[in-house]
């Protein structure tokens, strides 16, 4: 069995910390993309409503 040292524990904490930072960045990117898609969808919905009013 390998021996667990404080150095091993510290290294594992650093790696997890980096993973968390990366996930936060990715989550921020996903949230920004979602906001853009929602905005685009609203524009499309308004455009469709406008066109439907012209038809009726």
N, C-alpha and C. Protein backbone atom coordinates (compact mmCIF):
# COMPACT_ATOMS: atom_id res chain seq x y z
N UNK A 1 0.84 -1.19 0.00
CA UNK A 1 0.00 0.00 0.00
C UNK A 1 0.87 1.24 0.00
N UNK A 2 0.41 2.23 -0.72
CA UNK A 2 1.19 3.47 -0.74
C UNK A 2 0.82 4.34 0.46
N UNK A 3 1.76 5.12 0.84
CA UNK A 3 1.60 5.96 2.02
C UNK A 3 1.02 7.32 1.60
N UNK A 4 -0.02 7.76 2.28
CA UNK A 4 -0.62 9.07 2.01
C UNK A 4 0.11 10.10 2.85
N UNK A 5 0.59 11.13 2.16
CA UNK A 5 1.31 12.18 2.88
C UNK A 5 0.54 13.49 2.77
N UNK A 6 0.92 14.43 3.60
CA UNK A 6 0.30 15.76 3.51
C UNK A 6 0.55 16.37 2.14
N UNK A 7 1.71 16.08 1.58
CA UNK A 7 2.03 16.59 0.25
C UNK A 7 1.05 16.03 -0.79
N UNK A 8 0.73 14.73 -0.69
CA UNK A 8 -0.25 14.12 -1.60
C UNK A 8 -1.62 14.77 -1.45
N UNK A 9 -2.01 14.99 -0.22
CA UNK A 9 -3.32 15.60 0.05
C UNK A 9 -3.35 17.02 -0.50
N UNK A 10 -2.29 17.79 -0.26
CA UNK A 10 -2.21 19.16 -0.75
C UNK A 10 -2.28 19.19 -2.28
N UNK A 11 -1.55 18.29 -2.93
CA UNK A 11 -1.56 18.23 -4.40
C UNK A 11 -2.97 17.90 -4.91
N UNK A 12 -3.65 16.98 -4.26
CA UNK A 12 -5.01 16.62 -4.67
C UNK A 12 -5.95 17.81 -4.51
N UNK A 13 -5.79 18.57 -3.43
CA UNK A 13 -6.62 19.76 -3.21
C UNK A 13 -6.37 20.78 -4.31
N UNK A 14 -5.11 20.99 -4.68
CA UNK A 14 -4.78 21.93 -5.76
C UNK A 14 -5.41 21.50 -7.08
N UNK A 15 -5.37 20.21 -7.38
CA UNK A 15 -5.95 19.70 -8.62
C UNK A 15 -7.47 19.90 -8.63
N UNK A 16 -8.11 19.61 -7.52
CA UNK A 16 -9.56 19.80 -7.43
C UNK A 16 -9.90 21.28 -7.57
N UNK A 17 -9.09 22.14 -6.96
CA UNK A 17 -9.31 23.58 -7.05
C UNK A 17 -9.24 24.05 -8.50
N UNK A 18 -8.26 23.55 -9.24
CA UNK A 18 -8.13 23.91 -10.66
C UNK A 18 -9.33 23.40 -11.46
N UNK A 19 -9.78 22.20 -11.16
CA UNK A 19 -10.95 21.64 -11.84
C UNK A 19 -12.19 22.51 -11.58
N UNK A 20 -12.34 22.95 -10.34
CA UNK A 20 -13.49 23.80 -9.99
C UNK A 20 -13.43 25.12 -10.75
N UNK A 21 -12.24 25.71 -10.84
CA UNK A 21 -12.08 26.96 -11.59
C UNK A 21 -12.47 26.77 -13.05
N UNK A 22 -12.01 25.66 -13.64
CA UNK A 22 -12.33 25.38 -15.04
C UNK A 22 -13.83 25.18 -15.23
N UNK A 23 -14.46 24.46 -14.31
CA UNK A 23 -15.91 24.24 -14.40
C UNK A 23 -16.68 25.54 -14.26
N UNK A 24 -16.22 26.44 -13.38
CA UNK A 24 -16.88 27.74 -13.22
C UNK A 24 -16.79 28.54 -14.51
N UNK A 25 -15.63 28.50 -15.15
CA UNK A 25 -15.45 29.20 -16.42
C UNK A 25 -16.38 28.63 -17.49
N UNK A 26 -16.41 27.31 -17.58
CA UNK A 26 -17.28 26.66 -18.57
C UNK A 26 -18.75 26.98 -18.29
N UNK A 27 -19.13 26.97 -17.02
CA UNK A 27 -20.52 27.26 -16.65
C UNK A 27 -20.87 28.69 -17.04
N UNK A 28 -19.94 29.61 -16.82
CA UNK A 28 -20.15 31.00 -17.23
C UNK A 28 -20.36 31.10 -18.73
N UNK A 29 -19.56 30.36 -19.49
CA UNK A 29 -19.71 30.36 -20.95
C UNK A 29 -21.06 29.80 -21.36
N UNK A 30 -21.49 28.74 -20.70
CA UNK A 30 -22.80 28.14 -21.00
C UNK A 30 -23.92 29.13 -20.68
N UNK A 31 -23.82 29.81 -19.54
CA UNK A 31 -24.85 30.78 -19.15
C UNK A 31 -24.90 31.94 -20.14
N UNK A 32 -23.74 32.40 -20.62
CA UNK A 32 -23.71 33.47 -21.61
C UNK A 32 -24.35 33.03 -22.92
N UNK A 33 -24.04 31.81 -23.33
CA UNK A 33 -24.63 31.27 -24.58
C UNK A 33 -26.14 31.12 -24.42
N UNK A 34 -26.58 30.65 -23.26
CA UNK A 34 -28.01 30.49 -23.01
C UNK A 34 -28.71 31.85 -23.09
N UNK A 35 -28.12 32.87 -22.50
CA UNK A 35 -28.72 34.21 -22.53
C UNK A 35 -28.82 34.71 -23.97
N UNK A 36 -27.79 34.47 -24.78
CA UNK A 36 -27.83 34.89 -26.18
C UNK A 36 -28.91 34.14 -26.94
N UNK A 37 -29.02 32.84 -26.71
CA UNK A 37 -30.04 32.06 -27.40
C UNK A 37 -31.45 32.50 -27.00
N UNK A 38 -31.64 32.82 -25.72
CA UNK A 38 -32.94 33.31 -25.27
C UNK A 38 -33.27 34.64 -25.93
N UNK A 39 -32.28 35.50 -26.06
CA UNK A 39 -32.47 36.79 -26.72
C UNK A 39 -32.82 36.59 -28.20
N UNK A 40 -32.09 35.70 -28.85
CA UNK A 40 -32.36 35.40 -30.26
C UNK A 40 -33.77 34.84 -30.43
N UNK A 41 -34.18 33.97 -29.52
CA UNK A 41 -35.51 33.38 -29.57
C UNK A 41 -36.59 34.45 -29.43
N UNK A 42 -36.39 35.39 -28.52
CA UNK A 42 -37.36 36.47 -28.35
C UNK A 42 -37.49 37.30 -29.62
N UNK A 43 -36.35 37.58 -30.26
CA UNK A 43 -36.38 38.34 -31.52
C UNK A 43 -37.16 37.58 -32.60
N UNK A 44 -36.93 36.28 -32.68
CA UNK A 44 -37.63 35.46 -33.68
C UNK A 44 -39.13 35.44 -33.38
N UNK A 45 -39.48 35.28 -32.10
CA UNK A 45 -40.90 35.27 -31.72
C UNK A 45 -41.57 36.59 -32.09
N UNK A 46 -40.91 37.70 -31.81
CA UNK A 46 -41.48 39.01 -32.16
C UNK A 46 -41.62 39.16 -33.67
N UNK A 47 -40.64 38.69 -34.39
CA UNK A 47 -40.70 38.76 -35.85
C UNK A 47 -41.86 37.93 -36.39
N UNK A 48 -42.06 36.75 -35.84
CA UNK A 48 -43.17 35.89 -36.28
C UNK A 48 -44.50 36.55 -35.96
N UNK A 49 -44.64 37.10 -34.76
CA UNK A 49 -45.89 37.79 -34.40
C UNK A 49 -46.17 38.94 -35.34
N UNK A 50 -45.12 39.69 -35.68
CA UNK A 50 -45.27 40.82 -36.59
C UNK A 50 -45.75 40.34 -37.96
N UNK A 51 -45.15 39.27 -38.46
CA UNK A 51 -45.54 38.72 -39.76
C UNK A 51 -46.97 38.17 -39.72
N UNK A 52 -47.36 37.54 -38.62
CA UNK A 52 -48.71 37.01 -38.51
C UNK A 52 -49.75 38.13 -38.52
N UNK A 53 -49.42 39.26 -37.90
CA UNK A 53 -50.33 40.41 -37.91
C UNK A 53 -50.54 40.92 -39.34
N UNK A 54 -49.49 40.87 -40.15
CA UNK A 54 -49.59 41.32 -41.54
C UNK A 54 -50.53 40.41 -42.33
N UNK A 55 -50.47 39.12 -42.04
CA UNK A 55 -51.26 38.13 -42.78
C UNK A 55 -52.73 38.24 -42.42
N UNK A 56 -53.02 38.50 -41.15
CA UNK A 56 -54.41 38.54 -40.70
C UNK A 56 -54.98 39.87 -40.88
